[in-house]
Amino acid sequence: MSFRHRPDDPPDAVGIPPALGKAMASYRSLLDELEAGSINDATFRRRALGVGLIVRERDAWILDLSTERWWRYDGVALSSLRFREVEG
């Protein structure tokens, strides 16, 4: 599966939603707040749940904190993407 979207990509190629980059930045901010003691564990988990779910018309992206992966569900199957693959 390709995660870069170009006009010559095959039809099954997946473009990274802009919301994914925003969610990653929000998650990093949450980590900073937790490490600084500004929020507690329960607040972190509640807010991370909101940050880590992106639902679009054709698919959904879900952040799995335990494996540091984004999972994409297209209604049929799951595929995964590590953080560093999208940050690169």
N, C-alpha and C. Protein backbone atom coordinates (compact mmCIF):
# COMPACT_ATOMS: atom_id res chain seq x y z
N MET A 1 0.84 -1.18 0.00
CA MET A 1 0.00 0.00 0.00
C MET A 1 0.88 1.24 0.00
N SER A 2 0.56 2.20 -0.80
CA SER A 2 1.31 3.46 -0.87
C SER A 2 0.61 4.51 -0.03
N PHE A 3 1.38 5.27 0.73
CA PHE A 3 0.79 6.34 1.54
C PHE A 3 1.06 7.71 0.97
N ARG A 4 1.72 7.79 -0.15
CA ARG A 4 1.94 9.08 -0.80
C ARG A 4 0.96 9.20 -1.95
N HIS A 5 0.38 10.34 -2.09
CA HIS A 5 -0.62 10.52 -3.14
C HIS A 5 -0.05 11.37 -4.27
N ARG A 6 0.04 10.75 -5.43
CA ARG A 6 0.47 11.45 -6.63
C ARG A 6 -0.50 11.06 -7.74
N PRO A 7 -0.60 11.85 -8.78
CA PRO A 7 -1.53 11.52 -9.87
C PRO A 7 -1.27 10.16 -10.49
N ASP A 8 -0.02 9.68 -10.47
CA ASP A 8 0.28 8.39 -11.09
C ASP A 8 0.17 7.22 -10.12
N ASP A 9 -0.27 7.46 -8.88
CA ASP A 9 -0.43 6.37 -7.92
C ASP A 9 -1.55 5.44 -8.35
N PRO A 10 -1.45 4.17 -7.99
CA PRO A 10 -2.53 3.24 -8.31
C PRO A 10 -3.81 3.63 -7.56
N PRO A 11 -4.95 3.14 -8.01
CA PRO A 11 -6.22 3.53 -7.40
C PRO A 11 -6.33 3.21 -5.91
N ASP A 12 -5.58 2.20 -5.42
CA ASP A 12 -5.69 1.85 -4.00
C ASP A 12 -4.73 2.64 -3.12
N ALA A 13 -3.98 3.58 -3.68
CA ALA A 13 -3.06 4.40 -2.88
C ALA A 13 -3.87 5.27 -1.93
N VAL A 14 -3.30 5.49 -0.76
CA VAL A 14 -3.99 6.24 0.28
C VAL A 14 -3.27 7.55 0.54
N GLY A 15 -3.97 8.65 0.44
CA GLY A 15 -3.39 9.94 0.80
C GLY A 15 -3.49 10.14 2.30
N ILE A 16 -2.45 10.66 2.90
CA ILE A 16 -2.48 10.96 4.33
C ILE A 16 -3.40 12.16 4.54
N PRO A 17 -4.40 12.02 5.38
CA PRO A 17 -5.29 13.15 5.61
C PRO A 17 -4.56 14.26 6.36
N PRO A 18 -4.80 15.53 6.00
CA PRO A 18 -4.17 16.63 6.73
C PRO A 18 -4.46 16.56 8.22
N ALA A 19 -5.61 16.00 8.57
CA ALA A 19 -5.97 15.89 9.99
C ALA A 19 -5.01 15.00 10.75
N LEU A 20 -4.32 14.08 10.05
CA LEU A 20 -3.38 13.19 10.71
C LEU A 20 -2.19 13.98 11.25
N GLY A 21 -1.66 14.88 10.48
CA GLY A 21 -0.56 15.73 10.95
C GLY A 21 -0.97 16.58 12.13
N LYS A 22 -2.16 17.12 12.06
CA LYS A 22 -2.68 17.93 13.17
C LYS A 22 -2.86 17.07 14.42
N ALA A 23 -3.36 15.86 14.24
CA ALA A 23 -3.55 14.96 15.38
C ALA A 23 -2.22 14.59 16.01
N MET A 24 -1.20 14.37 15.19
CA MET A 24 0.11 14.03 15.73
C MET A 24 0.68 15.19 16.54
N ALA A 25 0.50 16.41 16.06
CA ALA A 25 0.97 17.59 16.80
C ALA A 25 0.19 17.74 18.11
N SER A 26 -1.10 17.50 18.06
CA SER A 26 -1.92 17.57 19.28
C SER A 26 -1.50 16.51 20.29
N TYR A 27 -1.18 15.32 19.79
CA TYR A 27 -0.73 14.25 20.68
C TYR A 27 0.60 14.62 21.33
N ARG A 28 1.51 15.20 20.56
CA ARG A 28 2.79 15.63 21.14
C ARG A 28 2.57 16.68 22.23
N SER A 29 1.63 17.59 21.99
CA SER A 29 1.31 18.60 23.01
C SER A 29 0.74 17.95 24.27
N LEU A 30 -0.11 16.94 24.07
CA LEU A 30 -0.64 16.22 25.23
C LEU A 30 0.48 15.56 26.03
N LEU A 31 1.42 14.94 25.34
CA LEU A 31 2.56 14.33 26.03
C LEU A 31 3.34 15.36 26.82
N ASP A 32 3.55 16.53 26.23
CA ASP A 32 4.27 17.61 26.92
C ASP A 32 3.52 18.02 28.19
N GLU A 33 2.20 18.15 28.08
CA GLU A 33 1.39 18.53 29.24
C GLU A 33 1.47 17.47 30.34
N LEU A 34 1.41 16.21 29.93
CA LEU A 34 1.48 15.12 30.91
C LEU A 34 2.84 15.11 31.60
N GLU A 35 3.91 15.23 30.83
CA GLU A 35 5.26 15.23 31.39
C GLU A 35 5.49 16.43 32.30
N ALA A 36 4.86 17.57 31.98
CA ALA A 36 5.02 18.77 32.80
C ALA A 36 4.14 18.74 34.05
N GLY A 37 3.24 17.76 34.11
CA GLY A 37 2.34 17.67 35.26
C GLY A 37 1.13 18.57 35.16
N SER A 38 0.90 19.15 33.98
CA SER A 38 -0.26 20.04 33.78
C SER A 38 -1.57 19.28 33.74
N ILE A 39 -1.51 18.01 33.33
CA ILE A 39 -2.71 17.16 33.29
C ILE A 39 -2.37 15.83 33.94
N ASN A 40 -3.41 15.14 34.43
CA ASN A 40 -3.20 13.83 35.04
C ASN A 40 -3.42 12.73 33.99
N ASP A 41 -3.18 11.48 34.41
CA ASP A 41 -3.30 10.35 33.48
C ASP A 41 -4.70 10.23 32.89
N ALA A 42 -5.71 10.41 33.73
CA ALA A 42 -7.09 10.26 33.25
C ALA A 42 -7.43 11.31 32.19
N THR A 43 -6.99 12.53 32.42
CA THR A 43 -7.23 13.60 31.44
C THR A 43 -6.47 13.32 30.15
N PHE A 44 -5.22 12.85 30.30
CA PHE A 44 -4.43 12.51 29.12
C PHE A 44 -5.14 11.45 28.28
N ARG A 45 -5.59 10.38 28.92
CA ARG A 45 -6.24 9.29 28.18
C ARG A 45 -7.52 9.76 27.49
N ARG A 46 -8.31 10.55 28.19
CA ARG A 46 -9.57 11.05 27.60
C ARG A 46 -9.30 11.92 26.39
N ARG A 47 -8.34 12.83 26.53
CA ARG A 47 -8.02 13.73 25.42
C ARG A 47 -7.31 13.00 24.28
N ALA A 48 -6.47 12.01 24.60
CA ALA A 48 -5.79 11.23 23.57
C ALA A 48 -6.79 10.45 22.73
N LEU A 49 -7.85 9.97 23.36
CA LEU A 49 -8.89 9.25 22.63
C LEU A 49 -9.52 10.17 21.58
N GLY A 50 -9.79 11.40 21.95
CA GLY A 50 -10.36 12.36 21.00
C GLY A 50 -9.39 12.71 19.88
N VAL A 51 -8.12 12.85 20.22
CA VAL A 51 -7.08 13.20 19.24
C VAL A 51 -6.82 12.02 18.29
N GLY A 52 -6.89 10.81 18.82
CA GLY A 52 -6.46 9.63 18.08
C GLY A 52 -7.51 8.95 17.23
N LEU A 53 -8.61 9.60 16.94
CA LEU A 53 -9.63 9.02 16.07
C LEU A 53 -10.03 10.05 15.03
N ILE A 54 -9.75 9.72 13.78
CA ILE A 54 -10.10 10.61 12.67
C ILE A 54 -11.04 9.83 11.75
N VAL A 55 -12.26 10.28 11.65
CA VAL A 55 -13.25 9.61 10.80
C VAL A 55 -13.51 10.49 9.59
N ARG A 56 -13.33 9.88 8.42
CA ARG A 56 -13.59 10.59 7.17
C ARG A 56 -14.70 9.86 6.42
N GLU A 57 -15.05 10.35 5.26
CA GLU A 57 -16.12 9.75 4.48
C GLU A 57 -15.80 8.32 4.05
N ARG A 58 -14.55 8.06 3.65
CA ARG A 58 -14.19 6.75 3.11
C ARG A 58 -13.39 5.86 4.04
N ASP A 59 -12.87 6.41 5.15
CA ASP A 59 -12.04 5.62 6.04
C ASP A 59 -11.96 6.27 7.42
N ALA A 60 -11.32 5.55 8.32
CA ALA A 60 -11.07 6.07 9.66
C ALA A 60 -9.63 5.76 10.02
N TRP A 61 -8.99 6.68 10.74
CA TRP A 61 -7.63 6.51 11.23
C TRP A 61 -7.71 6.43 12.75
N ILE A 62 -7.02 5.45 13.31
CA ILE A 62 -7.07 5.22 14.75
C ILE A 62 -5.64 5.14 15.27
N LEU A 63 -5.35 5.92 16.30
CA LEU A 63 -4.02 5.93 16.91
C LEU A 63 -3.95 4.85 17.98
N ASP A 64 -2.99 3.94 17.85
CA ASP A 64 -2.74 2.90 18.85
C ASP A 64 -1.49 3.32 19.63
N LEU A 65 -1.69 3.85 20.83
CA LEU A 65 -0.58 4.36 21.62
C LEU A 65 0.38 3.26 22.04
N SER A 66 -0.11 2.05 22.26
CA SER A 66 0.76 0.98 22.74
C SER A 66 1.79 0.55 21.70
N THR A 67 1.47 0.68 20.42
CA THR A 67 2.41 0.29 19.36
C THR A 67 2.96 1.48 18.58
N GLU A 68 2.49 2.67 18.92
CA GLU A 68 2.87 3.90 18.22
C GLU A 68 2.62 3.77 16.72
N ARG A 69 1.45 3.34 16.39
CA ARG A 69 1.04 3.19 14.99
C ARG A 69 -0.31 3.86 14.76
N TRP A 70 -0.46 4.36 13.56
CA TRP A 70 -1.77 4.78 13.08
C TRP A 70 -2.33 3.60 12.29
N TRP A 71 -3.57 3.26 12.55
CA TRP A 71 -4.25 2.20 11.81
C TRP A 71 -5.32 2.85 10.95
N ARG A 72 -5.41 2.40 9.72
CA ARG A 72 -6.42 2.89 8.78
C ARG A 72 -7.42 1.78 8.55
N TYR A 73 -8.69 2.09 8.73
CA TYR A 73 -9.75 1.14 8.45
C TYR A 73 -10.58 1.69 7.31
N ASP A 74 -10.71 0.91 6.24
CA ASP A 74 -11.42 1.37 5.05
C ASP A 74 -12.79 0.71 4.88
N GLY A 75 -13.29 0.08 5.93
CA GLY A 75 -14.57 -0.60 5.85
C GLY A 75 -14.42 -2.08 5.56
N VAL A 76 -13.22 -2.49 5.15
CA VAL A 76 -12.97 -3.89 4.82
C VAL A 76 -11.77 -4.41 5.60
N ALA A 77 -10.70 -3.66 5.64
CA ALA A 77 -9.46 -4.15 6.25
C ALA A 77 -8.73 -3.04 7.00
N LEU A 78 -7.84 -3.47 7.89
CA LEU A 78 -6.96 -2.55 8.61
C LEU A 78 -5.58 -2.57 7.97
N SER A 79 -4.96 -1.42 7.91
CA SER A 79 -3.56 -1.32 7.51
C SER A 79 -2.91 -0.37 8.50
N SER A 80 -1.60 -0.49 8.68
CA SER A 80 -0.96 0.33 9.70
C SER A 80 0.16 1.18 9.14
N LEU A 81 0.51 2.19 9.92
CA LEU A 81 1.53 3.15 9.55
C LEU A 81 2.22 3.61 10.82
N ARG A 82 3.54 3.43 10.92
CA ARG A 82 4.29 3.91 12.09
C ARG A 82 4.43 5.42 12.04
N PHE A 83 4.53 6.06 13.20
CA PHE A 83 4.70 7.51 13.27
C PHE A 83 5.81 8.00 12.38
N ARG A 84 6.99 7.39 12.48
CA ARG A 84 8.14 7.92 11.74
C ARG A 84 7.94 7.85 10.23
N GLU A 85 7.07 6.98 9.75
CA GLU A 85 6.82 6.89 8.31
C GLU A 85 6.08 8.13 7.80
N VAL A 86 5.24 8.72 8.62
CA VAL A 86 4.53 9.92 8.18
C VAL A 86 5.28 11.19 8.53
N GLU A 87 6.15 11.12 9.52
CA GLU A 87 6.89 12.31 9.92
C GLU A 87 8.04 12.58 8.97
N GLY A 88 8.60 11.49 8.37
CA GLY A 88 9.78 11.53 7.54
C GLY A 88 9.86 12.65 6.63
